[in-house]
Amino acid sequence: FLLTLLGGVLAHAAANVYNDYYDYKNHVDVRPEHGSG
């Protein structure tokens, strides 16, 4: 359970970070409040 929970949260965190990266590179996030900032 603990490994599943940790692995799942880490995968979710990676998805959040990648989403910020690609939205920034593709000029989707352009204002300071966009994404995580």
All heavy atoms as atom14 arrays in JSON, in Angstrom:
{
  "sequence": "FLLTLLGGVLAHAAANVYNDYYDYKNHVDVRPEHGSG",
  "atom14_mask": [
    [1, 1, 1, 1, 1, 1, 1, 1, 1, 1, 1, 0, 0, 0],
    [1, 1, 1, 1, 1, 1, 1, 1, 0, 0, 0, 0, 0, 0],
    [1, 1, 1, 1, 1, 1, 1, 1, 0, 0, 0, 0, 0, 0],
    [1, 1, 1, 1, 1, 1, 1, 0, 0, 0, 0, 0, 0, 0],
    [1, 1, 1, 1, 1, 1, 1, 1, 0, 0, 0, 0, 0, 0],
    [1, 1, 1, 1, 1, 1, 1, 1, 0, 0, 0, 0, 0, 0],
    [1, 1, 1, 1, 0, 0, 0, 0, 0, 0, 0, 0, 0, 0],
    [1, 1, 1, 1, 0, 0, 0, 0, 0, 0, 0, 0, 0, 0],
    [1, 1, 1, 1, 1, 1, 1, 0, 0, 0, 0, 0, 0, 0],
    [1, 1, 1, 1, 1, 1, 1, 1, 0, 0, 0, 0, 0, 0],
    [1, 1, 1, 1, 1, 0, 0, 0, 0, 0, 0, 0, 0, 0],
    [1, 1, 1, 1, 1, 1, 1, 1, 1, 1, 0, 0, 0, 0],
    [1, 1, 1, 1, 1, 0, 0, 0, 0, 0, 0, 0, 0, 0],
    [1, 1, 1, 1, 1, 0, 0, 0, 0, 0, 0, 0, 0, 0],
    [1, 1, 1, 1, 1, 0, 0, 0, 0, 0, 0, 0, 0, 0],
    [1, 1, 1, 1, 1, 1, 1, 1, 0, 0, 0, 0, 0, 0],
    [1, 1, 1, 1, 1, 1, 1, 0, 0, 0, 0, 0, 0, 0],
    [1, 1, 1, 1, 1, 1, 1, 1, 1, 1, 1, 1, 0, 0],
    [1, 1, 1, 1, 1, 1, 1, 1, 0, 0, 0, 0, 0, 0],
    [1, 1, 1, 1, 1, 1, 1, 1, 0, 0, 0, 0, 0, 0],
    [1, 1, 1, 1, 1, 1, 1, 1, 1, 1, 1, 1, 0, 0],
    [1, 1, 1, 1, 1, 1, 1, 1, 1, 1, 1, 1, 0, 0],
    [1, 1, 1, 1, 1, 1, 1, 1, 0, 0, 0, 0, 0, 0],
    [1, 1, 1, 1, 1, 1, 1, 1, 1, 1, 1, 1, 0, 0],
    [1, 1, 1, 1, 1, 1, 1, 1, 1, 0, 0, 0, 0, 0],
    [1, 1, 1, 1, 1, 1, 1, 1, 0, 0, 0, 0, 0, 0],
    [1, 1, 1, 1, 1, 1, 1, 1, 1, 1, 0, 0, 0, 0],
    [1, 1, 1, 1, 1, 1, 1, 0, 0, 0, 0, 0, 0, 0],
    [1, 1, 1, 1, 1, 1, 1, 1, 0, 0, 0, 0, 0, 0],
    [1, 1, 1, 1, 1, 1, 1, 0, 0, 0, 0, 0, 0, 0],
    [1, 1, 1, 1, 1, 1, 1, 1, 1, 1, 1, 0, 0, 0],
    [1, 1, 1, 1, 1, 1, 1, 0, 0, 0, 0, 0, 0, 0],
    [1, 1, 1, 1, 1, 1, 1, 1, 1, 0, 0, 0, 0, 0],
    [1, 1, 1, 1, 1, 1, 1, 1, 1, 1, 0, 0, 0, 0],
    [1, 1, 1, 1, 0, 0, 0, 0, 0, 0, 0, 0, 0, 0],
    [1, 1, 1, 1, 1, 1, 0, 0, 0, 0, 0, 0, 0, 0],
    [1, 1, 1, 1, 0, 0, 0, 0, 0, 0, 0, 0, 0, 0]
  ],
  "atom14_positions": [
    [[0.83, -1.2, 0.0], [0.0, 0.0, 0.0], [0.87, 1.26, 0.0], [0.62, 2.2, -0.78], [-0.92, 0.0, 1.21], [-1.58, 1.33, 1.48], [-2.59, 1.8, 0.65], [-1.17, 2.13, 2.54], [-3.19, 3.03, 0.88], [-1.76, 3.35, 2.78], [-2.77, 3.8, 1.94], [0.0, 0.0, 0.0], [0.0, 0.0, 0.0], [0.0, 0.0, 0.0]],
    [[1.89, 1.29, 0.86], [2.74, 2.48, 0.97], [3.51, 2.74, -0.33], [3.63, 3.89, -0.77], [3.7, 2.33, 2.14], [3.07, 2.33, 3.53], [4.12, 2.09, 4.61], [2.33, 3.63, 3.81], [0.0, 0.0, 0.0], [0.0, 0.0, 0.0], [0.0, 0.0, 0.0], [0.0, 0.0, 0.0], [0.0, 0.0, 0.0], [0.0, 0.0, 0.0]],
    [[4.02, 1.68, -0.95], [4.73, 1.83, -2.22], [3.79, 2.3, -3.33], [4.15, 3.12, -4.17], [5.4, 0.51, -2.62], [6.73, 0.2, -1.94], [7.18, -1.22, -2.29], [7.8, 1.2, -2.35], [0.0, 0.0, 0.0], [0.0, 0.0, 0.0], [0.0, 0.0, 0.0], [0.0, 0.0, 0.0], [0.0, 0.0, 0.0], [0.0, 0.0, 0.0]],
    [[2.57, 1.75, -3.33], [1.58, 2.17, -4.32], [1.21, 3.63, -4.14], [1.14, 4.39, -5.11], [0.31, 1.3, -4.2], [0.65, -0.07, -4.36], [-0.71, 1.68, -5.26], [0.0, 0.0, 0.0], [0.0, 0.0, 0.0], [0.0, 0.0, 0.0], [0.0, 0.0, 0.0], [0.0, 0.0, 0.0], [0.0, 0.0, 0.0], [0.0, 0.0, 0.0]],
    [[0.99, 4.03, -2.9], [0.63, 5.41, -2.61], [1.76, 6.36, -2.99], [1.53, 7.38, -3.66], [0.29, 5.56, -1.13], [-0.23, 6.92, -0.68], [-1.55, 7.24, -1.35], [-0.41, 6.95, 0.84], [0.0, 0.0, 0.0], [0.0, 0.0, 0.0], [0.0, 0.0, 0.0], [0.0, 0.0, 0.0], [0.0, 0.0, 0.0], [0.0, 0.0, 0.0]],
    [[2.97, 6.02, -2.6], [4.12, 6.88, -2.93], [4.34, 6.94, -4.43], [4.54, 8.03, -5.0], [5.38, 6.35, -2.23], [6.68, 7.12, -2.51], [6.56, 8.57, -2.06], [7.86, 6.44, -1.82], [0.0, 0.0, 0.0], [0.0, 0.0, 0.0], [0.0, 0.0, 0.0], [0.0, 0.0, 0.0], [0.0, 0.0, 0.0], [0.0, 0.0, 0.0]],
    [[4.29, 5.79, -5.09], [4.49, 5.76, -6.54], [3.42, 6.53, -7.28], [3.7, 7.25, -8.25], [0.0, 0.0, 0.0], [0.0, 0.0, 0.0], [0.0, 0.0, 0.0], [0.0, 0.0, 0.0], [0.0, 0.0, 0.0], [0.0, 0.0, 0.0], [0.0, 0.0, 0.0], [0.0, 0.0, 0.0], [0.0, 0.0, 0.0], [0.0, 0.0, 0.0]],
    [[2.18, 6.41, -6.82], [1.08, 7.12, -7.46], [1.2, 8.62, -7.31], [1.0, 9.38, -8.27], [0.0, 0.0, 0.0], [0.0, 0.0, 0.0], [0.0, 0.0, 0.0], [0.0, 0.0, 0.0], [0.0, 0.0, 0.0], [0.0, 0.0, 0.0], [0.0, 0.0, 0.0], [0.0, 0.0, 0.0], [0.0, 0.0, 0.0], [0.0, 0.0, 0.0]],
    [[1.55, 9.07, -6.12], [1.69, 10.52, -5.89], [2.88, 11.08, -6.67], [2.81, 12.18, -7.24], [1.84, 10.8, -4.38], [2.24, 12.26, -4.14], [0.54, 10.49, -3.65], [0.0, 0.0, 0.0], [0.0, 0.0, 0.0], [0.0, 0.0, 0.0], [0.0, 0.0, 0.0], [0.0, 0.0, 0.0], [0.0, 0.0, 0.0], [0.0, 0.0, 0.0]],
    [[3.97, 10.31, -6.74], [5.12, 10.76, -7.52], [4.79, 10.85, -9.01], [5.22, 11.78, -9.7], [6.3, 9.8, -7.31], [7.01, 9.91, -5.95], [7.97, 8.74, -5.76], [7.76, 11.23, -5.84], [0.0, 0.0, 0.0], [0.0, 0.0, 0.0], [0.0, 0.0, 0.0], [0.0, 0.0, 0.0], [0.0, 0.0, 0.0], [0.0, 0.0, 0.0]],
    [[4.02, 9.89, -9.51], [3.6, 9.93, -10.92], [2.71, 11.13, -11.18], [2.83, 11.81, -12.21], [2.87, 8.64, -11.28], [0.0, 0.0, 0.0], [0.0, 0.0, 0.0], [0.0, 0.0, 0.0], [0.0, 0.0, 0.0], [0.0, 0.0, 0.0], [0.0, 0.0, 0.0], [0.0, 0.0, 0.0], [0.0, 0.0, 0.0], [0.0, 0.0, 0.0]],
    [[1.82, 11.43, -10.23], [0.95, 12.59, -10.34], [1.77, 13.88, -10.33], [1.55, 14.79, -11.14], [-0.04, 12.57, -9.17], [-1.07, 13.65, -9.22], [-2.05, 13.78, -8.27], [-1.28, 14.67, -10.1], [-2.81, 14.83, -8.57], [-2.36, 15.38, -9.67], [0.0, 0.0, 0.0], [0.0, 0.0, 0.0], [0.0, 0.0, 0.0], [0.0, 0.0, 0.0]],
    [[2.75, 13.94, -9.44], [3.61, 15.11, -9.36], [4.39, 15.31, -10.67], [4.52, 16.44, -11.16], [4.59, 14.97, -8.19], [0.0, 0.0, 0.0], [0.0, 0.0, 0.0], [0.0, 0.0, 0.0], [0.0, 0.0, 0.0], [0.0, 0.0, 0.0], [0.0, 0.0, 0.0], [0.0, 0.0, 0.0], [0.0, 0.0, 0.0], [0.0, 0.0, 0.0]],
    [[4.88, 14.21, -11.23], [5.6, 14.29, -12.5], [4.69, 14.83, -13.6], [5.11, 15.66, -14.42], [6.14, 12.91, -12.89], [0.0, 0.0, 0.0], [0.0, 0.0, 0.0], [0.0, 0.0, 0.0], [0.0, 0.0, 0.0], [0.0, 0.0, 0.0], [0.0, 0.0, 0.0], [0.0, 0.0, 0.0], [0.0, 0.0, 0.0], [0.0, 0.0, 0.0]],
    [[3.44, 14.36, -13.62], [2.49, 14.83, -14.62], [2.24, 16.33, -14.47], [2.15, 17.07, -15.47], [1.18, 14.06, -14.5], [0.0, 0.0, 0.0], [0.0, 0.0, 0.0], [0.0, 0.0, 0.0], [0.0, 0.0, 0.0], [0.0, 0.0, 0.0], [0.0, 0.0, 0.0], [0.0, 0.0, 0.0], [0.0, 0.0, 0.0], [0.0, 0.0, 0.0]],
    [[2.13, 16.81, -13.22], [1.95, 18.24, -12.98], [3.13, 19.05, -13.51], [2.96, 20.1, -14.15], [1.79, 18.5, -11.48], [0.43, 18.11, -10.94], [-0.49, 17.84, -11.7], [0.31, 18.04, -9.63], [0.0, 0.0, 0.0], [0.0, 0.0, 0.0], [0.0, 0.0, 0.0], [0.0, 0.0, 0.0], [0.0, 0.0, 0.0], [0.0, 0.0, 0.0]],
    [[4.33, 18.57, -13.25], [5.54, 19.3, -13.66], [5.68, 19.29, -15.17], [5.98, 20.32, -15.8], [6.78, 18.69, -12.98], [8.06, 19.27, -13.55], [6.72, 18.93, -11.47], [0.0, 0.0, 0.0], [0.0, 0.0, 0.0], [0.0, 0.0, 0.0], [0.0, 0.0, 0.0], [0.0, 0.0, 0.0], [0.0, 0.0, 0.0], [0.0, 0.0, 0.0]],
    [[5.47, 18.13, -15.8], [5.53, 18.05, -17.26], [4.47, 18.95, -17.89], [4.71, 19.58, -18.93], [5.33, 16.61, -17.73], [6.54, 15.73, -17.61], [6.42, 14.42, -17.15], [7.81, 16.18, -17.97], [7.53, 13.6, -17.04], [8.92, 15.36, -17.87], [8.78, 14.06, -17.4], [9.88, 13.25, -17.31], [0.0, 0.0, 0.0], [0.0, 0.0, 0.0]],
    [[3.3, 19.0, -17.28], [2.24, 19.84, -17.81], [2.66, 21.31, -17.8], [2.43, 22.05, -18.77], [0.96, 19.65, -17.0], [-0.21, 20.4, -17.59], [-0.55, 20.25, -18.75], [-0.83, 21.25, -16.78], [0.0, 0.0, 0.0], [0.0, 0.0, 0.0], [0.0, 0.0, 0.0], [0.0, 0.0, 0.0], [0.0, 0.0, 0.0], [0.0, 0.0, 0.0]],
    [[3.27, 21.75, -16.7], [3.79, 23.11, -16.62], [4.82, 23.36, -17.72], [4.8, 24.41, -18.39], [4.45, 23.34, -15.26], [3.55, 24.1, -14.29], [2.34, 24.16, -14.55], [4.06, 24.62, -13.28], [0.0, 0.0, 0.0], [0.0, 0.0, 0.0], [0.0, 0.0, 0.0], [0.0, 0.0, 0.0], [0.0, 0.0, 0.0], [0.0, 0.0, 0.0]],
    [[5.72, 22.41, -17.89], [6.8, 22.56, -18.87], [6.26, 22.72, -20.28], [6.62, 23.66, -21.0], [7.73, 21.35, -18.79], [8.76, 21.3, -19.9], [9.93, 22.04, -19.83], [8.56, 20.5, -21.03], [10.87, 22.01, -20.86], [9.48, 20.45, -22.05], [10.63, 21.21, -21.96], [11.56, 21.17, -22.98], [0.0, 0.0, 0.0], [0.0, 0.0, 0.0]],
    [[5.37, 21.81, -20.69], [4.88, 21.85, -22.08], [3.93, 23.02, -22.31], [3.92, 23.61, -23.41], [4.21, 20.52, -22.44], [5.23, 19.44, -22.73], [5.49, 18.44, -21.8], [5.97, 19.44, -23.91], [6.44, 17.46, -22.05], [6.92, 18.46, -24.17], [7.16, 17.48, -23.24], [8.11, 16.52, -23.49], [0.0, 0.0, 0.0], [0.0, 0.0, 0.0]],
    [[3.14, 23.39, -21.31], [2.27, 24.56, -21.46], [3.1, 25.84, -21.6], [2.73, 26.76, -22.33], [1.31, 24.68, -20.28], [0.1, 23.76, -20.41], [-0.01, 23.08, -21.46], [-0.72, 23.72, -19.49], [0.0, 0.0, 0.0], [0.0, 0.0, 0.0], [0.0, 0.0, 0.0], [0.0, 0.0, 0.0], [0.0, 0.0, 0.0], [0.0, 0.0, 0.0]],
    [[4.21, 25.89, -20.9], [5.09, 27.05, -21.0], [5.8, 27.08, -22.36], [5.84, 28.11, -23.03], [6.1, 27.02, -19.87], [7.08, 28.17, -19.87], [6.69, 29.44, -19.47], [8.41, 27.97, -20.26], [7.59, 30.5, -19.47], [9.32, 29.02, -20.26], [8.9, 30.28, -19.86], [9.8, 31.33, -19.87], [0.0, 0.0, 0.0], [0.0, 0.0, 0.0]],
    [[6.33, 25.93, -22.78], [7.04, 25.86, -24.05], [6.12, 26.12, -25.24], [6.54, 26.69, -26.26], [7.7, 24.48, -24.21], [8.8, 24.2, -23.21], [10.04, 25.03, -23.46], [10.83, 24.54, -24.66], [12.11, 25.27, -24.83], [0.0, 0.0, 0.0], [0.0, 0.0, 0.0], [0.0, 0.0, 0.0], [0.0, 0.0, 0.0], [0.0, 0.0, 0.0]],
    [[4.85, 25.72, -25.11], [3.88, 25.9, -26.2], [3.11, 27.21, -26.1], [2.13, 27.42, -26.81], [2.9, 24.73, -26.23], [3.59, 23.42, -26.59], [4.53, 23.39, -27.37], [3.11, 22.31, -26.01], [0.0, 0.0, 0.0], [0.0, 0.0, 0.0], [0.0, 0.0, 0.0], [0.0, 0.0, 0.0], [0.0, 0.0, 0.0], [0.0, 0.0, 0.0]],
    [[3.54, 28.08, -25.17], [2.94, 29.41, -25.0], [1.46, 29.35, -24.62], [0.68, 30.23, -24.97], [3.12, 30.23, -26.28], [4.54, 30.31, -26.76], [5.52, 30.99, -26.08], [5.14, 29.76, -27.87], [6.66, 30.88, -26.72], [6.47, 30.13, -27.81], [0.0, 0.0, 0.0], [0.0, 0.0, 0.0], [0.0, 0.0, 0.0], [0.0, 0.0, 0.0]],
    [[1.11, 28.27, -23.89], [-0.23, 28.19, -23.32], [-0.26, 28.98, -22.0], [-1.19, 29.73, -21.73], [-0.64, 26.73, -23.09], [-2.02, 26.66, -22.42], [-0.65, 25.96, -24.41], [0.0, 0.0, 0.0], [0.0, 0.0, 0.0], [0.0, 0.0, 0.0], [0.0, 0.0, 0.0], [0.0, 0.0, 0.0], [0.0, 0.0, 0.0], [0.0, 0.0, 0.0]],
    [[0.75, 28.79, -21.18], [0.9, 29.55, -19.94], [1.79, 30.76, -20.2], [2.99, 30.62, -20.47], [1.53, 28.68, -18.84], [0.59, 27.6, -18.34], [-0.61, 27.65, -18.68], [1.05, 26.71, -17.61], [0.0, 0.0, 0.0], [0.0, 0.0, 0.0], [0.0, 0.0, 0.0], [0.0, 0.0, 0.0], [0.0, 0.0, 0.0], [0.0, 0.0, 0.0]],
    [[1.21, 31.94, -20.12], [1.97, 33.15, -20.43], [1.93, 34.18, -19.3], [2.8, 35.06, -19.23], [1.46, 33.8, -21.74], [1.77, 32.91, -22.92], [-0.04, 34.09, -21.66], [0.0, 0.0, 0.0], [0.0, 0.0, 0.0], [0.0, 0.0, 0.0], [0.0, 0.0, 0.0], [0.0, 0.0, 0.0], [0.0, 0.0, 0.0], [0.0, 0.0, 0.0]],
    [[0.92, 34.09, -18.43], [0.81, 35.07, -17.35], [1.37, 34.48, -16.05], [1.41, 33.26, -15.87], [-0.66, 35.48, -17.17], [-1.22, 36.24, -18.37], [-2.4, 37.11, -17.95], [-3.53, 36.31, -17.49], [-4.5, 35.86, -18.27], [-4.49, 36.13, -19.57], [-5.5, 35.17, -17.78], [0.0, 0.0, 0.0], [0.0, 0.0, 0.0], [0.0, 0.0, 0.0]],
    [[1.79, 35.34, -15.12], [2.43, 34.84, -13.89], [1.59, 33.84, -13.1], [2.13, 32.95, -12.46], [2.66, 36.13, -13.08], [2.76, 37.2, -14.11], [1.82, 36.81, -15.21], [0.0, 0.0, 0.0], [0.0, 0.0, 0.0], [0.0, 0.0, 0.0], [0.0, 0.0, 0.0], [0.0, 0.0, 0.0], [0.0, 0.0, 0.0], [0.0, 0.0, 0.0]],
    [[0.26, 34.0, -13.16], [-0.61, 33.11, -12.37], [-0.9, 31.79, -13.07], [-1.54, 30.9, -12.49], [-1.93, 33.81, -12.03], [-2.84, 34.08, -13.22], [-2.57, 35.39, -13.93], [-1.48, 35.96, -13.71], [-3.44, 35.85, -14.69], [0.0, 0.0, 0.0], [0.0, 0.0, 0.0], [0.0, 0.0, 0.0], [0.0, 0.0, 0.0], [0.0, 0.0, 0.0]],
    [[-0.46, 31.62, -14.3], [-0.74, 30.39, -15.04], [0.07, 29.21, -14.49], [1.23, 29.37, -14.09], [-0.43, 30.57, -16.53], [-1.48, 31.3, -17.27], [-1.34, 31.75, -18.55], [-2.75, 31.67, -16.9], [-2.44, 32.36, -18.96], [-3.3, 32.32, -17.96], [0.0, 0.0, 0.0], [0.0, 0.0, 0.0], [0.0, 0.0, 0.0], [0.0, 0.0, 0.0]],
    [[-0.54, 28.03, -14.54], [0.13, 26.84, -14.05], [0.48, 26.97, -12.58], [-0.27, 27.53, -11.79], [0.0, 0.0, 0.0], [0.0, 0.0, 0.0], [0.0, 0.0, 0.0], [0.0, 0.0, 0.0], [0.0, 0.0, 0.0], [0.0, 0.0, 0.0], [0.0, 0.0, 0.0], [0.0, 0.0, 0.0], [0.0, 0.0, 0.0], [0.0, 0.0, 0.0]],
    [[1.64, 26.44, -12.22], [2.1, 26.59, -10.84], [2.73, 27.95, -10.61], [2.96, 28.34, -9.46], [3.12, 25.49, -10.52], [4.32, 25.7, -11.26], [0.0, 0.0, 0.0], [0.0, 0.0, 0.0], [0.0, 0.0, 0.0], [0.0, 0.0, 0.0], [0.0, 0.0, 0.0], [0.0, 0.0, 0.0], [0.0, 0.0, 0.0], [0.0, 0.0, 0.0]],
    [[3.03, 28.67, -11.7], [3.69, 29.97, -11.59], [5.2, 29.89, -11.55], [5.89, 30.91, -11.63], [0.0, 0.0, 0.0], [0.0, 0.0, 0.0], [0.0, 0.0, 0.0], [0.0, 0.0, 0.0], [0.0, 0.0, 0.0], [0.0, 0.0, 0.0], [0.0, 0.0, 0.0], [0.0, 0.0, 0.0], [0.0, 0.0, 0.0], [0.0, 0.0, 0.0]]
  ]
}
